[in-house]
Amino acid sequence: MDTLLLKTFLEVSRTRNFGKAAQNLCVSPSTISARIRQLEENLGLKLFLRSHHQIGLTPAGERMERHARFIIEAWERAYEDTALSESHQRRLVIAGVASLWDIFLQDWLQSIYREMPTLGLRAEESTPLRVIEKLDQGLIDVGFMYEVPKLQGVVVNEVMSIPMVLVSTRAGICADEAVSEGYVRVEWGTTFATLHESHFPQRPLAPVRVNSGRIALNLLENCGGAAYLPENVVSVGIDQGFLHPVADAPVINMKAYAAYNFHGEHQELISELLADMGKR
């Protein structure tokens, strides 16, 4: 199977437009059409539904999309492993949910980069579901998330406790006021949602919901409001005076977990690196 055909299929699937896919891949629309036609002939299946200017995936195309992404990622990893072996002794693929990169993963990655120059690194920011899927498929070596993944043969370590604090751009308000007018609800996962509901059972529905602490913080900086954010992320804003802790709001403690395959190639290395993380 030509990986170029799969990459073309994924780009058309993403854009739902042959012209945009051609522009993004720097080829002509006729080349895109020819590649998709060749892939469909190889499979003996139609992957796209075409009507006027609209393009959609067939049921076969929807199934193929998942497999195509897996094949491309596996091929890229195999290529990097082979190419890097000339100059690097080992290679580690790390994935984590976006907010954990802001909280501690970026610093951890930088320390590894500085202290282990012969270790090849690949770092990815991803959704919780994609981190678990890639871990299950062996596409990453270690994944970081807020929830314990339910996977067999996977070692899960708690690596950090993260206090989530309620902050507001308005000083002196109470918690009930903060979660009412101008509240930005950040989706930190199932555990956070359960604890949040237990503390604020009567709160109004938040008009804005986001899945990124970075997005919430930018909204507060530019538009005002309140949100639950990691303590170390808001410390600068509090010091600068544009954010204010909501004094009577409960602190919601979250936990960050690292998961890796018990029989993985880099099991011992990952175990050592996580142990060092706990000492920092």
C-alpha atoms as a PDB file:
ATOM      1  CA  MET A   1       0.000   0.000   0.000  1.00  0.00           C
ATOM      2  CA  ASP A   2       1.403   3.386  -1.061  1.00  0.00           C
ATOM      3  CA  THR A   3       1.434   5.684   1.968  1.00  0.00           C
ATOM      4  CA  LEU A   4       1.099   8.662  -0.378  1.00  0.00           C
ATOM      5  CA  LEU A   5      -2.379   7.429  -1.319  1.00  0.00           C
ATOM      6  CA  LEU A   6      -3.318   7.163   2.349  1.00  0.00           C
ATOM      7  CA  LYS A   7      -2.004  10.648   3.121  1.00  0.00           C
ATOM      8  CA  THR A   8      -4.047  11.999   0.214  1.00  0.00           C
ATOM      9  CA  PHE A   9      -7.143  10.155   1.440  1.00  0.00           C
ATOM     10  CA  LEU A  10      -6.729  11.594   4.949  1.00  0.00           C
ATOM     11  CA  GLU A  11      -6.301  15.139   3.628  1.00  0.00           C
ATOM     12  CA  VAL A  12      -9.442  14.883   1.472  1.00  0.00           C
ATOM     13  CA  SER A  13     -11.275  13.382   4.444  1.00  0.00           C
ATOM     14  CA  ARG A  14     -10.132  16.279   6.640  1.00  0.00           C
ATOM     15  CA  THR A  15     -10.925  19.096   4.193  1.00  0.00           C
ATOM     16  CA  ARG A  16     -13.918  17.484   2.448  1.00  0.00           C
ATOM     17  CA  ASN A  17     -12.695  19.268  -0.663  1.00  0.00           C
ATOM     18  CA  PHE A  18     -10.477  18.001  -3.481  1.00  0.00           C
ATOM     19  CA  GLY A  19      -9.309  21.523  -4.372  1.00  0.00           C
ATOM     20  CA  LYS A  20      -8.281  22.389  -0.798  1.00  0.00           C
ATOM     21  CA  ALA A  21      -6.569  19.023  -0.399  1.00  0.00           C
ATOM     22  CA  ALA A  22      -4.637  19.647  -3.633  1.00  0.00           C
ATOM     23  CA  GLN A  23      -3.585  23.100  -2.414  1.00  0.00           C
ATOM     24  CA  ASN A  24      -2.445  21.755   0.966  1.00  0.00           C
ATOM     25  CA  LEU A  25      -0.476  18.918  -0.632  1.00  0.00           C
ATOM     26  CA  CYS A  26       0.966  21.194  -3.380  1.00  0.00           C
ATOM     27  CA  VAL A  27      -0.367  19.108  -6.275  1.00  0.00           C
ATOM     28  CA  SER A  28      -3.090  19.559  -8.885  1.00  0.00           C
ATOM     29  CA  PRO A  29      -6.751  18.586  -8.229  1.00  0.00           C
ATOM     30  CA  SER A  30      -6.468  16.014 -11.034  1.00  0.00           C
ATOM     31  CA  THR A  31      -3.591  14.347  -9.145  1.00  0.00           C
ATOM     32  CA  ILE A  32      -5.748  14.176  -6.004  1.00  0.00           C
ATOM     33  CA  SER A  33      -8.606  12.617  -7.995  1.00  0.00           C
ATOM     34  CA  ALA A  34      -6.263  10.089  -9.587  1.00  0.00           C
ATOM     35  CA  ARG A  35      -4.811   9.046  -6.219  1.00  0.00           C
ATOM     36  CA  ILE A  36      -8.251   8.609  -4.638  1.00  0.00           C
ATOM     37  CA  ARG A  37      -9.437   6.642  -7.664  1.00  0.00           C
ATOM     38  CA  GLN A  38      -6.364   4.380  -7.447  1.00  0.00           C
ATOM     39  CA  LEU A  39      -6.913   3.798  -3.711  1.00  0.00           C
ATOM     40  CA  GLU A  40     -10.582   2.952  -4.296  1.00  0.00           C
ATOM     41  CA  GLU A  41      -9.616   0.556  -7.108  1.00  0.00           C
ATOM     42  CA  ASN A  42      -7.012  -1.114  -4.880  1.00  0.00           C
ATOM     43  CA  LEU A  43      -9.603  -1.646  -2.161  1.00  0.00           C
ATOM     44  CA  GLY A  44     -12.506  -2.382  -4.470  1.00  0.00           C
ATOM     45  CA  LEU A  45     -14.613   0.053  -2.434  1.00  0.00           C
ATOM     46  CA  LYS A  46     -15.945   3.572  -2.724  1.00  0.00           C
ATOM     47  CA  LEU A  47     -14.514   5.781   0.000  1.00  0.00           C
ATOM     48  CA  PHE A  48     -16.236   9.081  -0.799  1.00  0.00           C
ATOM     49  CA  LEU A  49     -19.757  10.153  -1.670  1.00  0.00           C
ATOM     50  CA  ARG A  50     -19.704  12.940  -4.256  1.00  0.00           C
ATOM     51  CA  SER A  51     -22.721  15.148  -4.963  1.00  0.00           C
ATOM     52  CA  HIS A  52     -22.334  18.548  -6.635  1.00  0.00           C
ATOM     53  CA  HIS A  53     -19.697  20.347  -4.545  1.00  0.00           C
ATOM     54  CA  GLN A  54     -20.195  18.255  -1.423  1.00  0.00           C
ATOM     55  CA  ILE A  55     -17.960  15.345  -0.422  1.00  0.00           C
ATOM     56  CA  GLY A  56     -18.627  12.890   2.385  1.00  0.00           C
ATOM     57  CA  LEU A  57     -17.233   9.584   3.560  1.00  0.00           C
ATOM     58  CA  THR A  58     -18.992   6.324   2.793  1.00  0.00           C
ATOM     59  CA  PRO A  59     -19.292   3.782   5.651  1.00  0.00           C
ATOM     60  CA  ALA A  60     -16.209   2.083   4.172  1.00  0.00           C
ATOM     61  CA  GLY A  61     -14.433   5.448   4.107  1.00  0.00           C
ATOM     62  CA  GLU A  62     -15.237   6.054   7.764  1.00  0.00           C
ATOM     63  CA  ARG A  63     -13.719   2.686   8.675  1.00  0.00           C
ATOM     64  CA  MET A  64     -10.716   3.294   6.436  1.00  0.00           C
ATOM     65  CA  GLU A  65     -10.019   6.688   8.002  1.00  0.00           C
ATOM     66  CA  ARG A  66      -9.127   5.136  11.352  1.00  0.00           C
ATOM     67  CA  HIS A  67      -6.904   2.474   9.779  1.00  0.00           C
ATOM     68  CA  ALA A  68      -5.207   4.948   7.437  1.00  0.00           C
ATOM     69  CA  ARG A  69      -4.262   7.208  10.330  1.00  0.00           C
ATOM     70  CA  PHE A  70      -2.846   4.234  12.232  1.00  0.00           C
ATOM     71  CA  ILE A  71      -0.823   3.034   9.217  1.00  0.00           C
ATOM     72  CA  ILE A  72       0.651   6.494   8.537  1.00  0.00           C
ATOM     73  CA  GLU A  73       1.603   7.026  12.167  1.00  0.00           C
ATOM     74  CA  ALA A  74       3.123   3.539  12.408  1.00  0.00           C
ATOM     75  CA  TRP A  75       5.100   4.104   9.199  1.00  0.00           C
ATOM     76  CA  GLU A  76       6.385   7.483  10.391  1.00  0.00           C
ATOM     77  CA  ARG A  77       7.469   5.944  13.658  1.00  0.00           C
ATOM     78  CA  ALA A  78       9.235   3.067  11.875  1.00  0.00           C
ATOM     79  CA  TYR A  79      10.996   5.524   9.570  1.00  0.00           C
ATOM     80  CA  GLU A  80      12.125   7.754  12.442  1.00  0.00           C
ATOM     81  CA  ASP A  81      13.307   4.771  14.479  1.00  0.00           C
ATOM     82  CA  THR A  82      15.419   3.573  11.562  1.00  0.00           C
ATOM     83  CA  ALA A  83      16.768   6.965  10.539  1.00  0.00           C
ATOM     84  CA  LEU A  84      17.528   8.111  14.067  1.00  0.00           C
ATOM     85  CA  SER A  85      19.401   4.927  14.916  1.00  0.00           C
ATOM     86  CA  GLU A  86      22.448   6.323  13.100  1.00  0.00           C
ATOM     87  CA  SER A  87      22.873   9.222  15.526  1.00  0.00           C
ATOM     88  CA  HIS A  88      20.707   8.389  18.537  1.00  0.00           C
ATOM     89  CA  GLN A  89      20.830   5.313  20.725  1.00  0.00           C
ATOM     90  CA  ARG A  90      17.111   5.317  21.555  1.00  0.00           C
ATOM     91  CA  ARG A  91      13.933   7.203  20.730  1.00  0.00           C
ATOM     92  CA  LEU A  92      11.033   8.100  23.019  1.00  0.00           C
ATOM     93  CA  VAL A  93       7.562   9.191  21.912  1.00  0.00           C
ATOM     94  CA  ILE A  94       5.651  11.199  24.519  1.00  0.00           C
ATOM     95  CA  ALA A  95       2.021  12.331  24.286  1.00  0.00           C
ATOM     96  CA  GLY A  96      -0.045  14.300  26.758  1.00  0.00           C
ATOM     97  CA  VAL A  97      -3.207  16.355  27.015  1.00  0.00           C
ATOM     98  CA  ALA A  98      -2.648  20.027  26.221  1.00  0.00           C
ATOM     99  CA  SER A  99      -2.917  21.506  29.717  1.00  0.00           C
ATOM    100  CA  LEU A 100      -0.359  19.109  31.181  1.00  0.00           C
ATOM    101  CA  TRP A 101       2.239  20.469  28.763  1.00  0.00           C
ATOM    102  CA  ASP A 102       1.584  23.923  30.227  1.00  0.00           C
ATOM    103  CA  ILE A 103       1.714  22.689  33.821  1.00  0.00           C
ATOM    104  CA  PHE A 104       4.795  20.444  33.912  1.00  0.00           C
ATOM    105  CA  LEU A 105       5.469  18.362  30.794  1.00  0.00           C
ATOM    106  CA  GLN A 106       7.268  21.142  28.915  1.00  0.00           C
ATOM    107  CA  ASP A 107       9.803  21.546  31.717  1.00  0.00           C
ATOM    108  CA  TRP A 108      10.223  17.768  31.982  1.00  0.00           C
ATOM    109  CA  LEU A 109      10.815  17.469  28.238  1.00  0.00           C
ATOM    110  CA  GLN A 110      13.403  20.239  28.323  1.00  0.00           C
ATOM    111  CA  SER A 111      15.310  18.558  31.134  1.00  0.00           C
ATOM    112  CA  ILE A 112      15.411  15.272  29.181  1.00  0.00           C
ATOM    113  CA  TYR A 113      16.538  17.113  26.042  1.00  0.00           C
ATOM    114  CA  ARG A 114      19.390  18.792  27.916  1.00  0.00           C
ATOM    115  CA  GLU A 115      20.510  15.808  29.989  1.00  0.00           C
ATOM    116  CA  MET A 116      20.132  12.994  27.422  1.00  0.00           C
ATOM    117  CA  PRO A 117      21.500  14.279  24.085  1.00  0.00           C
ATOM    118  CA  THR A 118      21.659  10.783  22.552  1.00  0.00           C
ATOM    119  CA  LEU A 119      17.946  10.162  23.138  1.00  0.00           C
ATOM    120  CA  GLY A 120      15.708  10.925  20.161  1.00  0.00           C
ATOM    121  CA  LEU A 121      12.471  12.616  21.230  1.00  0.00           C
ATOM    122  CA  ARG A 122       9.034  13.087  19.734  1.00  0.00           C
ATOM    123  CA  ALA A 123       6.453  15.049  21.723  1.00  0.00           C
ATOM    124  CA  GLU A 124       2.753  15.378  20.941  1.00  0.00           C
ATOM    125  CA  GLU A 125      -0.122  17.407  22.345  1.00  0.00           C
ATOM    126  CA  SER A 126      -3.347  15.429  22.035  1.00  0.00           C
ATOM    127  CA  THR A 127      -6.834  14.783  23.373  1.00  0.00           C
ATOM    128  CA  PRO A 128      -7.322  12.264  26.209  1.00  0.00           C
ATOM    129  CA  LEU A 129      -8.995   9.801  23.835  1.00  0.00           C
ATOM    130  CA  ARG A 130      -6.185   9.997  21.285  1.00  0.00           C
ATOM    131  CA  VAL A 131      -3.543   9.534  23.988  1.00  0.00           C
ATOM    132  CA  ILE A 132      -5.263   6.322  25.107  1.00  0.00           C
ATOM    133  CA  GLU A 133      -5.771   5.097  21.530  1.00  0.00           C
ATOM    134  CA  LYS A 134      -2.111   5.692  20.627  1.00  0.00           C
ATOM    135  CA  LEU A 135      -0.959   4.017  23.824  1.00  0.00           C
ATOM    136  CA  ASP A 136      -3.141   0.990  23.055  1.00  0.00           C
ATOM    137  CA  GLN A 137      -1.856   0.831  19.470  1.00  0.00           C
ATOM    138  CA  GLY A 138       1.783   1.160  20.491  1.00  0.00           C
ATOM    139  CA  LEU A 139       2.218   4.470  18.656  1.00  0.00           C
ATOM    140  CA  ILE A 140       3.534   6.246  21.748  1.00  0.00           C
ATOM    141  CA  ASP A 141       5.821   5.090  24.543  1.00  0.00           C
ATOM    142  CA  VAL A 142       4.278   7.063  27.403  1.00  0.00           C
ATOM    143  CA  GLY A 143       1.072   9.062  27.714  1.00  0.00           C
ATOM    144  CA  PHE A 144       0.024  11.668  30.281  1.00  0.00           C
ATOM    145  CA  MET A 145      -3.599  12.351  31.240  1.00  0.00           C
ATOM    146  CA  TYR A 146      -5.965  13.187  34.102  1.00  0.00           C
ATOM    147  CA  GLU A 147      -7.873   9.889  34.148  1.00  0.00           C
ATOM    148  CA  VAL A 148      -6.559   6.355  34.694  1.00  0.00           C
ATOM    149  CA  PRO A 149      -6.766   4.545  31.319  1.00  0.00           C
ATOM    150  CA  LYS A 150      -8.563   1.215  31.342  1.00  0.00           C
ATOM    151  CA  LEU A 151      -6.043  -0.770  29.301  1.00  0.00           C
ATOM    152  CA  GLN A 152      -4.538  -4.194  29.896  1.00  0.00           C
ATOM    153  CA  GLY A 153      -0.778  -4.569  30.178  1.00  0.00           C
ATOM    154  CA  VAL A 154      -0.282  -0.895  30.975  1.00  0.00           C
ATOM    155  CA  VAL A 155       1.566   0.514  33.986  1.00  0.00           C
ATOM    156  CA  VAL A 156      -0.076   3.633  35.439  1.00  0.00           C
ATOM    157  CA  ASN A 157       1.808   5.972  37.787  1.00  0.00           C
ATOM    158  CA  GLU A 158       0.425   8.997  39.557  1.00  0.00           C
ATOM    159  CA  VAL A 159       3.019  11.684  38.802  1.00  0.00           C
ATOM    160  CA  MET A 160       1.562  14.903  40.162  1.00  0.00           C
ATOM    161  CA  SER A 161      -1.211  16.428  42.243  1.00  0.00           C
ATOM    162  CA  ILE A 162      -2.562  19.593  40.609  1.00  0.00           C
ATOM    163  CA  PRO A 163      -4.583  22.088  42.662  1.00  0.00           C
ATOM    164  CA  MET A 164      -7.273  23.751  40.561  1.00  0.00           C
ATOM    165  CA  VAL A 165      -8.236  27.147  41.936  1.00  0.00           C
ATOM    166  CA  LEU A 166     -11.095  29.443  41.049  1.00  0.00           C
ATOM    167  CA  VAL A 167      -9.840  32.839  39.862  1.00  0.00           C
ATOM    168  CA  SER A 168     -11.671  35.888  38.592  1.00  0.00           C
ATOM    169  CA  THR A 169     -10.785  39.171  36.952  1.00  0.00           C
ATOM    170  CA  ARG A 170     -13.099  40.824  39.513  1.00  0.00           C
ATOM    171  CA  ALA A 171     -11.724  41.258  43.026  1.00  0.00           C
ATOM    172  CA  GLY A 172     -13.696  40.505  46.163  1.00  0.00           C
ATOM    173  CA  ILE A 173     -16.479  38.375  44.698  1.00  0.00           C
ATOM    174  CA  CYS A 174     -17.746  35.149  46.257  1.00  0.00           C
ATOM    175  CA  ALA A 175     -17.693  31.704  44.650  1.00  0.00           C
ATOM    176  CA  ASP A 176     -21.403  31.693  43.760  1.00  0.00           C
ATOM    177  CA  GLU A 177     -20.980  34.990  41.907  1.00  0.00           C
ATOM    178  CA  ALA A 178     -17.839  33.739  40.126  1.00  0.00           C
ATOM    179  CA  VAL A 179     -19.516  30.611  38.710  1.00  0.00           C
ATOM    180  CA  SER A 180     -22.580  32.562  37.628  1.00  0.00           C
ATOM    181  CA  GLU A 181     -21.878  35.687  35.579  1.00  0.00           C
ATOM    182  CA  GLY A 182     -18.978  35.433  33.122  1.00  0.00           C
ATOM    183  CA  TYR A 183     -17.938  31.924  34.169  1.00  0.00           C
ATOM    184  CA  VAL A 184     -15.784  29.957  31.718  1.00  0.00           C
ATOM    185  CA  ARG A 185     -16.218  26.244  32.339  1.00  0.00           C
ATOM    186  CA  VAL A 186     -13.060  24.265  31.582  1.00  0.00           C
ATOM    187  CA  GLU A 187     -13.560  20.554  30.893  1.00  0.00           C
ATOM    188  CA  TRP A 188     -10.816  18.971  32.978  1.00  0.00           C
ATOM    189  CA  GLY A 189     -12.245  15.446  32.791  1.00  0.00           C
ATOM    190  CA  THR A 190     -14.747  13.205  34.545  1.00  0.00           C
ATOM    191  CA  THR A 191     -13.177  13.453  38.002  1.00  0.00           C
ATOM    192  CA  PHE A 192     -13.141  17.251  37.913  1.00  0.00           C
ATOM    193  CA  ALA A 193     -16.721  17.386  36.618  1.00  0.00           C
ATOM    194  CA  THR A 194     -17.965  15.178  39.466  1.00  0.00           C
ATOM    195  CA  LEU A 195     -16.210  17.241  42.138  1.00  0.00           C
ATOM    196  CA  HIS A 196     -17.283  20.502  40.517  1.00  0.00           C
ATOM    197  CA  GLU A 197     -20.934  19.456  40.517  1.00  0.00           C
ATOM    198  CA  SER A 198     -20.751  18.418  44.172  1.00  0.00           C
ATOM    199  CA  HIS A 199     -19.435  21.874  45.140  1.00  0.00           C
ATOM    200  CA  PHE A 200     -21.792  23.882  42.911  1.00  0.00           C
ATOM    201  CA  PRO A 201     -25.011  21.852  42.460  1.00  0.00           C
ATOM    202  CA  GLN A 202     -27.195  24.916  41.865  1.00  0.00           C
ATOM    203  CA  ARG A 203     -24.925  26.900  39.584  1.00  0.00           C
ATOM    204  CA  PRO A 204     -26.303  28.265  36.269  1.00  0.00           C
ATOM    205  CA  LEU A 205     -25.200  26.630  33.029  1.00  0.00           C
ATOM    206  CA  ALA A 206     -21.923  28.215  31.939  1.00  0.00           C
ATOM    207  CA  PRO A 207     -22.346  30.166  28.682  1.00  0.00           C
ATOM    208  CA  VAL A 208     -18.783  29.311  27.608  1.00  0.00           C
ATOM    209  CA  ARG A 209     -17.218  25.845  27.811  1.00  0.00           C
ATOM    210  CA  VAL A 210     -13.678  25.037  26.656  1.00  0.00           C
ATOM    211  CA  ASN A 211     -11.387  22.003  26.834  1.00  0.00           C
ATOM    212  CA  SER A 212      -8.151  23.955  27.236  1.00  0.00           C
ATOM    213  CA  GLY A 213      -6.822  25.929  30.179  1.00  0.00           C
ATOM    214  CA  ARG A 214      -4.846  28.045  27.723  1.00  0.00           C
ATOM    215  CA  ILE A 215      -8.043  29.079  25.916  1.00  0.00           C
ATOM    216  CA  ALA A 216      -9.769  29.884  29.207  1.00  0.00           C
ATOM    217  CA  LEU A 217      -6.838  31.977  30.435  1.00  0.00           C
ATOM    218  CA  ASN A 218      -6.752  33.968  27.180  1.00  0.00           C
ATOM    219  CA  LEU A 219     -10.490  34.614  27.475  1.00  0.00           C
ATOM    220  CA  LEU A 220     -10.047  35.909  31.005  1.00  0.00           C
ATOM    221  CA  GLU A 221      -7.120  38.119  29.978  1.00  0.00           C
ATOM    222  CA  ASN A 222      -8.991  39.695  27.067  1.00  0.00           C
ATOM    223  CA  CYS A 223     -12.664  39.532  28.044  1.00  0.00           C
ATOM    224  CA  GLY A 224     -12.807  39.100  31.815  1.00  0.00           C
ATOM    225  CA  GLY A 225     -14.626  36.448  33.819  1.00  0.00           C
ATOM    226  CA  ALA A 226     -13.764  33.530  36.069  1.00  0.00           C
ATOM    227  CA  ALA A 227     -12.502  29.968  35.655  1.00  0.00           C
ATOM    228  CA  TYR A 228     -10.987  27.022  37.489  1.00  0.00           C
ATOM    229  CA  LEU A 229      -7.331  26.834  36.440  1.00  0.00           C
ATOM    230  CA  PRO A 230      -4.151  25.166  37.725  1.00  0.00           C
ATOM    231  CA  GLU A 231      -2.585  27.064  40.605  1.00  0.00           C
ATOM    232  CA  ASN A 232       0.839  27.393  38.969  1.00  0.00           C
ATOM    233  CA  VAL A 233      -0.687  28.593  35.682  1.00  0.00           C
ATOM    234  CA  VAL A 234      -2.527  31.533  37.292  1.00  0.00           C
ATOM    235  CA  SER A 235       0.242  32.565  39.711  1.00  0.00           C
ATOM    236  CA  VAL A 236       1.724  35.114  37.281  1.00  0.00           C
ATOM    237  CA  GLY A 237      -1.692  36.681  36.624  1.00  0.00           C
ATOM    238  CA  ILE A 238      -2.324  36.936  40.361  1.00  0.00           C
ATOM    239  CA  ASP A 239       1.085  38.551  40.936  1.00  0.00           C
ATOM    240  CA  GLN A 240       0.377  41.035  38.131  1.00  0.00           C
ATOM    241  CA  GLY A 241      -2.983  41.892  39.667  1.00  0.00           C
ATOM    242  CA  PHE A 242      -5.312  41.068  36.785  1.00  0.00           C
ATOM    243  CA  LEU A 243      -6.442  37.782  38.361  1.00  0.00           C
ATOM    244  CA  HIS A 244      -7.816  37.391  41.863  1.00  0.00           C
ATOM    245  CA  PRO A 245      -8.308  34.183  43.864  1.00  0.00           C
ATOM    246  CA  VAL A 246     -11.925  33.650  44.879  1.00  0.00           C
ATOM    247  CA  ALA A 247     -11.426  33.342  48.619  1.00  0.00           C
ATOM    248  CA  ASP A 248     -14.365  31.109  49.564  1.00  0.00           C
ATOM    249  CA  ALA A 249     -14.083  28.767  46.544  1.00  0.00           C
ATOM    250  CA  PRO A 250     -12.971  25.184  47.230  1.00  0.00           C
ATOM    251  CA  VAL A 251      -9.691  23.995  45.749  1.00  0.00           C
ATOM    252  CA  ILE A 252     -10.302  21.006  43.468  1.00  0.00           C
ATOM    253  CA  ASN A 253      -7.290  18.725  43.502  1.00  0.00           C
ATOM    254  CA  MET A 254      -6.653  16.833  40.289  1.00  0.00           C
ATOM    255  CA  LYS A 255      -4.117  14.090  39.662  1.00  0.00           C
ATOM    256  CA  ALA A 256      -1.940  13.598  36.606  1.00  0.00           C
ATOM    257  CA  TYR A 257      -1.083  10.050  35.503  1.00  0.00           C
ATOM    258  CA  ALA A 258       1.608   8.593  33.279  1.00  0.00           C
ATOM    259  CA  ALA A 259       0.841   5.341  31.463  1.00  0.00           C
ATOM    260  CA  TYR A 260       3.188   3.080  29.511  1.00  0.00           C
ATOM    261  CA  ASN A 261       3.274  -0.499  28.272  1.00  0.00           C
ATOM    262  CA  PHE A 262       4.552  -2.966  30.868  1.00  0.00           C
ATOM    263  CA  HIS A 263       6.394  -4.917  28.157  1.00  0.00           C
ATOM    264  CA  GLY A 264       7.389  -1.883  26.101  1.00  0.00           C
ATOM    265  CA  GLU A 265      10.835  -1.431  24.619  1.00  0.00           C
ATOM    266  CA  HIS A 266      11.607   1.562  26.860  1.00  0.00           C
ATOM    267  CA  GLN A 267       9.907   0.403  30.049  1.00  0.00           C
ATOM    268  CA  GLU A 268      13.006   0.747  32.225  1.00  0.00           C
ATOM    269  CA  LEU A 269      13.963   4.142  30.774  1.00  0.00           C
ATOM    270  CA  ILE A 270      10.454   5.516  31.289  1.00  0.00           C
ATOM    271  CA  SER A 271      10.371   4.211  34.850  1.00  0.00           C
ATOM    272  CA  GLU A 272      13.673   5.997  35.586  1.00  0.00           C
ATOM    273  CA  LEU A 273      12.546   9.251  33.972  1.00  0.00           C
ATOM    274  CA  LEU A 274       9.277   9.259  35.921  1.00  0.00           C
ATOM    275  CA  ALA A 275      11.163   8.616  39.151  1.00  0.00           C
ATOM    276  CA  ASP A 276      13.389  11.608  38.375  1.00  0.00           C
ATOM    277  CA  MET A 277      10.279  13.695  37.664  1.00  0.00           C
ATOM    278  CA  GLY A 278       9.048  13.030  41.196  1.00  0.00           C
ATOM    279  CA  LYS A 279      12.312  14.401  42.631  1.00  0.00           C
ATOM    280  CA  ARG A 280      12.144  17.724  40.802  1.00  0.00           C
END
